[in-house]
Amino acid sequence: MNIILFDDSKIKKSLLPFTFTRPVSEIRVGIFTIAEKWSYIAGTSVSYLTEAYLRPKYPAKIAATNFLVNGSLCPDKALFNAISSLAVGQVLVKDGRLLAACVNYVPFFDELDTMATTLQINYYTQETIMLKNTWDIFAFNGSQIKADFKYIQQRLSQKIEDRFTIVYNEIDVFVEEGAKIKAAVLNAEAGPIYIGKNAEIQEGSVVRGPFALCEGAVVNMGSKMRGDTTIGPYSKVGGEINNSVIFGYSNKAHDGFLGNSVVGEWCNLGADTNTSNLKNNYSNVKVWSYQALDYLDSGRQFCGLMMGDHSKAGINTMFNTGTVVGVNANIFGGGFPPKFIPSYAWGGSEGFQKFDFDKAMQVASKVMERRNVMMENEDYEILRYIYNF
């Protein structure tokens, strides 16, 4: 199967700021990104159909027969079987939304919305897991860790040799090669715990599942990692984290609380940064929508911070419930900053100015170089597009 994961244009807008810098299917939810999940279940590599400015980094690979799959869908066996059973010229639809199509050509991105009206429609009636809003990322994260863990369990876990580490329900703890665990408490009674290749859990840390620590990531000394949390590759975390997803290469290395939140790549939260995830009156949290250009009711009582790639927060930053931060923003100073902070904003509660693009790129390049990653021209052009968005 040649699987091409396409961006649903409406969903892509509702998942900003995270989809400014990536296709929808490159969002991490559970242990893996959505694209990685499809690769696992299909046993093959996948490619992308996305907006023009993202295509140099995320191109489509076209074959004689192509299965176009909605990139916001988390796969399961029933869904995969339904899609792989499609014949050329057929589409799969649920509740008026295009899930997949089998075609011998690949349409332009702006033609996807009308595809279902020109081909033979098959209706899918089973339940699906689909990201439609930013808060869905943390809301589905626990169940997706459990789903992804089933792929992991097909292999053999490394043994935990440290005699000062306590493990509850060891059968649901998986440790990859090169991982280090010292004097920690791992409790997998409520869900599995995954510890990736060369990841590290330092002394005095307490971890409750479902929890995923991806390749090269570090949990610093004395940390409290609550359930339904994913720490993406090469991130460093400390303090207290609950039901949150960090995509990768980001730091929340010090004390402070992060709850019901999503943090992109290459972000940094300064020491004692805290996020509020519950309003004092216990009402639903409203979150800024790039699509509606207004605050929308999330329908959730708990919702914290949504932070796009390359954004930073200085020490003692206090984020209110449902705060949305764009790409390459720099937040500092006392008091609560606004609940919506645009991309390339520089400032805090007393006001913002626009971050100079060249200076922003200098910072981003230095941050990436510290992890031995060079900024490619494709990355630079994506960030410049967002600056002019």
Protein backbone atom coordinates (compact mmCIF):
# COMPACT_ATOMS: atom_id res chain seq x y z
CA MET A 1 0.00 0.00 0.00
CA ASN A 2 1.17 3.48 -0.84
CA ILE A 3 -0.35 5.56 1.98
CA ILE A 4 -0.45 9.34 1.66
CA LEU A 5 -1.70 11.12 4.77
CA PHE A 6 -3.62 14.22 3.74
CA ASP A 7 -4.45 17.32 5.75
CA ASP A 8 -8.15 18.03 6.15
CA SER A 9 -8.13 21.82 5.63
CA LYS A 10 -10.69 22.57 8.36
CA ILE A 11 -9.05 20.30 10.91
CA LYS A 12 -5.60 21.70 10.09
CA LYS A 13 -6.83 25.20 10.99
CA SER A 14 -8.42 23.99 14.22
CA LEU A 15 -5.11 22.38 15.24
CA LEU A 16 -3.06 25.56 14.93
CA PRO A 17 -0.50 26.56 16.23
CA PHE A 18 0.87 23.00 15.99
CA THR A 19 0.05 22.62 12.30
CA PHE A 20 1.83 25.84 11.37
CA THR A 21 5.06 23.84 11.24
CA ARG A 22 3.95 20.30 10.38
CA PRO A 23 1.23 18.26 8.69
CA VAL A 24 -1.52 17.05 11.01
CA SER A 25 -0.16 13.49 10.92
CA GLU A 26 3.17 14.62 12.39
CA ILE A 27 1.43 15.44 15.69
CA ARG A 28 2.51 13.16 18.52
CA VAL A 29 -0.32 11.59 20.51
CA GLY A 30 0.46 8.51 22.59
CA ILE A 31 3.96 7.11 22.11
CA PHE A 32 4.12 7.80 18.36
CA THR A 33 3.15 10.46 15.87
CA ILE A 34 0.05 9.66 13.81
CA ALA A 35 2.29 9.04 10.79
CA GLU A 36 4.39 6.57 12.77
CA LYS A 37 1.23 4.73 13.85
CA TRP A 38 0.18 4.28 10.21
CA SER A 39 3.67 3.03 9.34
CA TYR A 40 3.46 0.44 12.11
CA ILE A 41 0.00 -0.85 11.21
CA ALA A 42 0.63 -0.87 7.45
CA GLY A 43 4.19 -2.14 7.63
CA THR A 44 5.38 0.50 5.17
CA SER A 45 6.54 4.10 5.04
CA VAL A 46 4.01 6.90 4.51
CA SER A 47 4.10 10.34 2.94
CA TYR A 48 2.06 13.55 3.10
CA LEU A 49 -0.33 15.75 1.16
CA THR A 50 -0.29 19.17 2.76
CA GLU A 51 -0.12 22.89 2.08
CA ALA A 52 2.39 24.21 -0.46
CA TYR A 53 4.79 25.83 2.03
CA LEU A 54 5.20 22.53 3.93
CA ARG A 55 5.69 20.28 0.89
CA PRO A 56 9.47 20.73 0.45
CA LYS A 57 9.96 19.16 3.89
CA TYR A 58 6.93 16.83 3.75
CA PRO A 59 6.53 15.67 0.12
CA ALA A 60 4.01 13.19 -1.29
CA LYS A 61 5.30 9.94 -2.78
CA ILE A 62 2.98 8.97 -5.63
CA ALA A 63 2.46 5.44 -6.99
CA ALA A 64 0.18 3.80 -9.53
CA THR A 65 -2.38 3.17 -6.78
CA ASN A 66 -2.58 5.52 -3.80
CA PHE A 67 -4.48 5.30 -0.54
CA LEU A 68 -5.19 8.83 0.66
CA VAL A 69 -5.88 8.77 4.41
CA ASN A 70 -7.08 11.63 6.60
CA GLY A 71 -4.02 12.60 8.63
CA SER A 72 -6.03 13.37 11.76
CA LEU A 73 -7.12 9.71 12.11
CA CYS A 74 -5.44 7.45 14.65
CA PRO A 75 -5.44 3.96 13.09
CA ASP A 76 -6.83 0.72 14.42
CA LYS A 77 -7.21 -2.70 12.78
CA ALA A 78 -10.87 -2.25 11.79
CA LEU A 79 -10.18 1.12 10.17
CA PHE A 80 -7.06 -0.15 8.40
CA ASN A 81 -8.95 -3.15 7.03
CA ALA A 82 -11.75 -0.92 5.74
CA ILE A 83 -9.28 1.39 3.99
CA SER A 84 -7.13 -1.39 2.51
CA SER A 85 -10.31 -2.96 1.10
CA LEU A 86 -11.11 0.12 -1.01
CA ALA A 87 -10.92 -0.31 -4.77
CA VAL A 88 -9.66 2.40 -7.10
CA GLY A 89 -12.33 5.10 -7.39
CA GLN A 90 -13.84 4.48 -3.94
CA VAL A 91 -13.84 6.69 -0.85
CA LEU A 92 -14.56 6.03 2.81
CA VAL A 93 -16.76 8.58 4.59
CA LYS A 94 -18.10 8.98 8.13
CA ASP A 95 -20.49 11.71 9.27
CA GLY A 96 -19.90 13.69 6.10
CA ARG A 97 -16.10 13.74 6.54
CA LEU A 98 -13.67 12.11 4.11
CA LEU A 99 -11.65 9.41 5.88
CA ALA A 100 -9.84 7.83 2.96
CA ALA A 101 -9.79 7.33 -0.81
CA CYS A 102 -8.19 4.90 -3.23
CA VAL A 103 -7.10 6.65 -6.43
CA ASN A 104 -4.64 6.24 -9.28
CA TYR A 105 -3.87 9.95 -9.19
CA VAL A 106 -3.25 12.47 -6.43
CA PRO A 107 -5.43 15.59 -6.44
CA PHE A 108 -4.33 19.08 -5.58
CA PHE A 109 -4.62 19.95 -1.89
CA ASP A 110 -7.60 22.25 -2.45
CA GLU A 111 -9.50 19.54 -4.33
CA LEU A 112 -9.72 17.18 -1.37
CA ASP A 113 -12.91 18.69 0.04
CA THR A 114 -14.87 17.79 -3.10
CA MET A 115 -13.35 14.37 -3.69
CA ALA A 116 -16.12 12.47 -1.88
CA THR A 117 -18.73 13.89 -4.26
CA THR A 118 -17.01 12.58 -7.41
CA LEU A 119 -16.18 8.98 -6.40
CA GLN A 120 -18.10 5.95 -5.14
CA ILE A 121 -18.84 6.41 -1.43
CA ASN A 122 -18.49 3.70 1.22
CA TYR A 123 -19.77 4.64 4.67
CA TYR A 124 -17.80 3.77 7.80
CA THR A 125 -19.97 3.14 10.86
CA GLN A 126 -17.48 2.15 13.55
CA GLU A 127 -15.96 4.52 16.09
CA THR A 128 -12.85 6.49 15.14
CA ILE A 129 -10.25 8.47 17.05
CA MET A 130 -9.69 11.73 15.18
CA LEU A 131 -7.94 14.90 16.31
CA LYS A 132 -10.30 17.80 15.65
CA ASN A 133 -9.13 20.34 18.25
CA THR A 134 -5.88 21.10 20.04
CA TRP A 135 -7.18 19.79 23.36
CA ASP A 136 -7.94 16.41 21.76
CA ILE A 137 -4.18 15.80 21.76
CA PHE A 138 -3.97 15.51 25.55
CA ALA A 139 -7.52 14.17 25.92
CA PHE A 140 -6.76 11.11 23.73
CA ASN A 141 -3.17 10.73 24.91
CA GLY A 142 -3.73 8.14 27.65
CA SER A 143 -5.78 5.81 25.46
CA GLN A 144 -3.29 6.23 22.61
CA ILE A 145 -0.36 5.30 24.88
CA LYS A 146 -2.24 2.09 25.67
CA ALA A 147 -2.95 1.45 21.98
CA ASP A 148 0.66 2.12 20.92
CA PHE A 149 2.01 -0.01 23.75
CA LYS A 150 0.50 -3.09 22.07
CA TYR A 151 2.94 -2.63 19.18
CA ILE A 152 5.81 -2.24 21.64
CA GLN A 153 4.92 -5.40 23.59
CA GLN A 154 5.62 -7.53 20.53
CA ARG A 155 9.31 -7.09 21.41
CA LEU A 156 11.32 -7.96 24.52
CA SER A 157 11.87 -5.31 27.18
CA GLN A 158 15.24 -4.67 28.79
CA LYS A 159 15.49 -5.59 32.47
CA ILE A 160 15.54 -2.92 35.17
CA GLU A 161 18.70 -3.77 37.06
CA ASP A 162 18.75 -0.91 39.59
CA ARG A 163 17.95 -2.41 43.01
CA PHE A 164 16.65 0.91 44.36
CA THR A 165 13.98 1.33 41.69
CA ILE A 166 10.50 0.13 42.67
CA VAL A 167 8.18 -1.17 39.93
CA TYR A 168 4.47 -1.90 40.24
CA ASN A 169 2.88 -4.12 37.56
CA GLU A 170 6.19 -4.82 35.85
CA ILE A 171 4.52 -6.57 32.89
CA ASP A 172 3.27 -3.19 31.66
CA VAL A 173 6.66 -1.46 31.87
CA PHE A 174 8.77 -1.55 28.71
CA VAL A 175 12.39 -0.37 28.67
CA GLU A 176 14.33 0.12 25.45
CA GLU A 177 18.04 -0.48 24.98
CA GLY A 178 20.32 2.08 26.60
CA ALA A 179 17.71 3.53 28.97
CA LYS A 180 18.87 4.51 32.48
CA ILE A 181 16.68 4.36 35.60
CA LYS A 182 18.01 5.13 39.08
CA ALA A 183 16.12 5.06 42.41
CA ALA A 184 12.73 5.78 40.83
CA VAL A 185 9.16 4.61 41.47
CA LEU A 186 7.34 3.29 38.38
CA ASN A 187 3.65 2.53 38.89
CA ALA A 188 1.99 0.92 35.85
CA GLU A 189 -1.14 -0.28 37.64
CA ALA A 190 -3.37 2.29 35.90
CA GLY A 191 -1.65 2.04 32.50
CA PRO A 192 1.61 1.14 30.76
CA ILE A 193 4.92 2.93 31.09
CA TYR A 194 7.21 3.16 28.06
CA ILE A 195 10.86 4.22 28.43
CA GLY A 196 12.55 4.85 25.09
CA LYS A 197 16.01 4.17 23.77
CA ASN A 198 18.75 6.02 25.70
CA ALA A 199 16.11 7.81 27.81
CA GLU A 200 16.83 8.53 31.47
CA ILE A 201 14.79 8.70 34.68
CA GLN A 202 16.91 10.21 37.43
CA GLU A 203 16.93 9.62 41.18
CA GLY A 204 13.84 10.26 43.25
CA SER A 205 11.39 10.54 40.37
CA VAL A 206 7.88 9.10 40.63
CA VAL A 207 6.12 8.01 37.43
CA ARG A 208 2.54 6.81 36.99
CA GLY A 209 1.18 5.27 33.81
CA PRO A 210 -0.02 5.67 31.19
CA PHE A 211 3.29 7.40 30.49
CA ALA A 212 5.70 7.55 27.56
CA LEU A 213 9.29 8.80 27.69
CA CYS A 214 10.60 8.80 24.13
CA GLU A 215 14.12 8.33 22.78
CA GLY A 216 16.83 10.36 24.47
CA ALA A 217 14.44 12.19 26.79
CA VAL A 218 15.31 12.87 30.44
CA VAL A 219 13.21 13.08 33.61
CA ASN A 220 15.24 15.12 36.10
CA MET A 221 15.75 14.33 39.79
CA GLY A 222 12.74 14.37 42.08
CA SER A 223 10.15 14.81 39.33
CA LYS A 224 6.48 13.85 39.52
CA MET A 225 5.17 12.45 36.25
CA ARG A 226 1.44 11.85 36.44
CA GLY A 227 -0.53 9.66 34.05
CA ASP A 228 -1.64 10.24 30.45
CA THR A 229 1.62 12.08 29.73
CA THR A 230 4.07 11.83 26.83
CA ILE A 231 7.56 13.34 26.85
CA GLY A 232 8.78 13.44 23.25
CA PRO A 233 12.28 12.64 21.97
CA TYR A 234 15.26 14.49 23.44
CA SER A 235 13.17 16.59 25.80
CA LYS A 236 14.19 17.34 29.39
CA VAL A 237 11.55 17.66 32.07
CA GLY A 238 11.25 18.22 35.80
CA GLY A 239 8.75 19.34 38.42
CA GLU A 240 5.17 18.09 38.06
CA ILE A 241 3.52 17.14 34.75
CA ASN A 242 0.00 15.80 34.37
CA ASN A 243 -1.89 14.65 31.23
CA SER A 244 0.32 16.61 28.85
CA VAL A 245 2.15 16.02 25.57
CA ILE A 246 5.56 17.46 24.72
CA PHE A 247 6.31 16.78 21.05
CA GLY A 248 10.11 16.67 21.27
CA TYR A 249 13.37 18.60 21.72
CA SER A 250 11.73 20.84 24.34
CA ASN A 251 12.66 21.64 27.92
CA LYS A 252 10.67 22.02 31.10
CA ALA A 253 13.64 21.10 33.19
CA HIS A 254 12.80 22.75 36.52
CA ASP A 255 10.10 22.81 39.19
CA GLY A 256 6.67 24.08 38.22
CA PHE A 257 3.37 22.55 37.09
CA LEU A 258 2.33 21.66 33.54
CA GLY A 259 -1.15 20.16 33.26
CA ASN A 260 -3.58 19.28 30.44
CA SER A 261 -1.22 20.97 28.02
CA VAL A 262 0.51 20.48 24.67
CA VAL A 263 3.99 21.84 23.96
CA GLY A 264 5.57 21.70 20.49
CA GLU A 265 9.21 21.19 19.51
CA TRP A 266 12.20 23.36 20.47
CA CYS A 267 10.33 25.11 23.29
CA ASN A 268 11.70 26.10 26.70
CA LEU A 269 9.79 26.79 29.91
CA GLY A 270 11.94 28.67 32.42
CA ALA A 271 12.32 27.70 36.06
CA ASP A 272 9.10 27.76 38.10
CA THR A 273 6.89 28.30 35.06
CA ASN A 274 3.35 27.21 35.96
CA THR A 275 0.20 26.57 33.96
CA SER A 276 -3.30 26.87 35.34
CA ASN A 277 -5.52 24.08 34.04
CA LEU A 278 -8.71 24.72 36.09
CA LYS A 279 -10.72 27.93 36.49
CA ASN A 280 -11.64 29.10 39.98
CA ASN A 281 -15.35 28.86 39.14
CA TYR A 282 -14.92 25.34 37.66
CA SER A 283 -16.56 26.38 34.37
CA ASN A 284 -15.44 25.15 30.94
CA VAL A 285 -12.21 26.62 29.62
CA LYS A 286 -12.35 28.81 26.51
CA VAL A 287 -9.46 28.51 24.04
CA TRP A 288 -8.42 30.83 21.19
CA SER A 289 -9.38 29.50 17.76
CA TYR A 290 -7.33 30.58 14.73
CA GLN A 291 -10.24 29.42 12.58
CA ALA A 292 -12.98 31.42 14.34
CA LEU A 293 -10.65 34.28 15.38
CA ASP A 294 -12.32 34.11 18.78
CA TYR A 295 -12.30 32.15 22.01
CA LEU A 296 -14.29 28.92 21.78
CA ASP A 297 -15.71 26.76 24.56
CA SER A 298 -13.49 23.68 24.73
CA GLY A 299 -16.18 21.74 26.56
CA ARG A 300 -13.49 20.79 29.05
CA GLN A 301 -13.11 21.73 32.69
CA PHE A 302 -9.37 21.08 32.57
CA CYS A 303 -7.26 22.74 29.88
CA GLY A 304 -3.85 24.36 30.23
CA LEU A 305 -1.26 25.64 27.73
CA MET A 306 -1.06 25.17 23.94
CA MET A 307 2.42 26.28 22.82
CA GLY A 308 3.71 26.22 19.23
CA ASP A 309 7.23 25.30 18.15
CA HIS A 310 10.30 27.38 19.12
CA SER A 311 8.45 29.43 21.76
CA LYS A 312 10.04 30.30 25.11
CA ALA A 313 8.87 31.40 28.56
CA GLY A 314 11.11 33.12 31.12
CA ILE A 315 11.40 32.15 34.77
CA ASN A 316 8.28 32.38 36.95
CA THR A 317 5.95 32.74 33.95
CA MET A 318 2.30 32.15 34.88
CA PHE A 319 0.03 30.88 32.12
CA ASN A 320 -3.72 31.14 32.61
CA THR A 321 -6.15 28.35 31.74
CA GLY A 322 -6.44 27.73 28.02
CA THR A 323 -3.55 29.95 26.95
CA VAL A 324 -2.50 29.63 23.29
CA VAL A 325 1.02 30.62 22.22
CA GLY A 326 2.03 30.72 18.55
CA VAL A 327 5.38 29.87 16.94
CA ASN A 328 8.64 31.55 18.00
CA ALA A 329 7.09 33.69 20.72
CA ASN A 330 9.19 34.90 23.65
CA ILE A 331 7.27 35.52 26.90
CA PHE A 332 8.77 37.07 30.04
CA GLY A 333 8.03 39.41 32.94
CA GLY A 334 5.60 39.41 35.86
CA GLY A 335 1.86 38.86 35.94
CA PHE A 336 -0.31 36.73 33.66
CA PRO A 337 0.36 37.22 29.94
CA PRO A 338 -2.68 37.32 27.61
CA LYS A 339 -4.53 34.09 26.87
CA PHE A 340 -3.58 34.40 23.20
CA ILE A 341 -0.02 35.23 22.19
CA PRO A 342 0.62 35.41 18.42
CA SER A 343 3.61 33.95 16.64
CA TYR A 344 6.81 36.01 16.90
CA ALA A 345 5.47 38.07 19.80
CA TRP A 346 8.12 39.37 22.23
CA GLY A 347 7.04 40.57 25.68
CA GLY A 348 4.59 39.78 28.47
CA SER A 349 1.74 41.14 30.54
CA GLU A 350 2.79 44.75 29.86
CA GLY A 351 2.56 44.33 26.09
CA PHE A 352 4.26 42.79 23.07
CA GLN A 353 6.30 43.83 20.07
CA LYS A 354 7.12 41.73 17.01
CA PHE A 355 10.23 39.56 17.33
CA ASP A 356 12.76 40.45 14.62
CA PHE A 357 12.88 37.53 12.19
CA ASP A 358 16.66 37.36 11.82
CA LYS A 359 17.18 37.44 15.59
CA ALA A 360 14.52 34.77 16.03
CA MET A 361 16.36 32.55 13.53
CA GLN A 362 19.65 33.09 15.34
CA VAL A 363 18.04 31.87 18.58
CA ALA A 364 16.32 28.93 16.90
CA SER A 365 19.55 27.85 15.19
CA LYS A 366 21.50 27.98 18.47
CA VAL A 367 18.84 25.94 20.27
CA MET A 368 18.90 23.28 17.56
CA GLU A 369 22.70 23.16 17.43
CA ARG A 370 22.76 22.34 21.17
CA ARG A 371 21.03 19.06 20.24
CA ASN A 372 23.34 18.51 17.26
CA VAL A 373 20.54 19.33 14.81
CA MET A 374 21.14 21.83 12.02
CA MET A 375 18.35 24.04 10.73
CA GLU A 376 17.70 23.02 7.14
CA ASN A 377 16.61 25.45 4.44
CA GLU A 378 13.14 23.83 4.47
CA ASP A 379 12.78 24.67 8.18
CA TYR A 380 13.92 28.24 7.58
CA GLU A 381 11.40 28.78 4.79
CA ILE A 382 8.56 27.34 6.90
CA LEU A 383 9.39 29.71 9.76
CA ARG A 384 9.64 32.67 7.36
CA TYR A 385 6.22 31.81 5.91
CA ILE A 386 4.74 31.82 9.41
CA TYR A 387 6.39 35.17 10.16
CA ASN A 388 4.55 36.67 7.18
CA PHE A 389 1.31 34.77 7.83
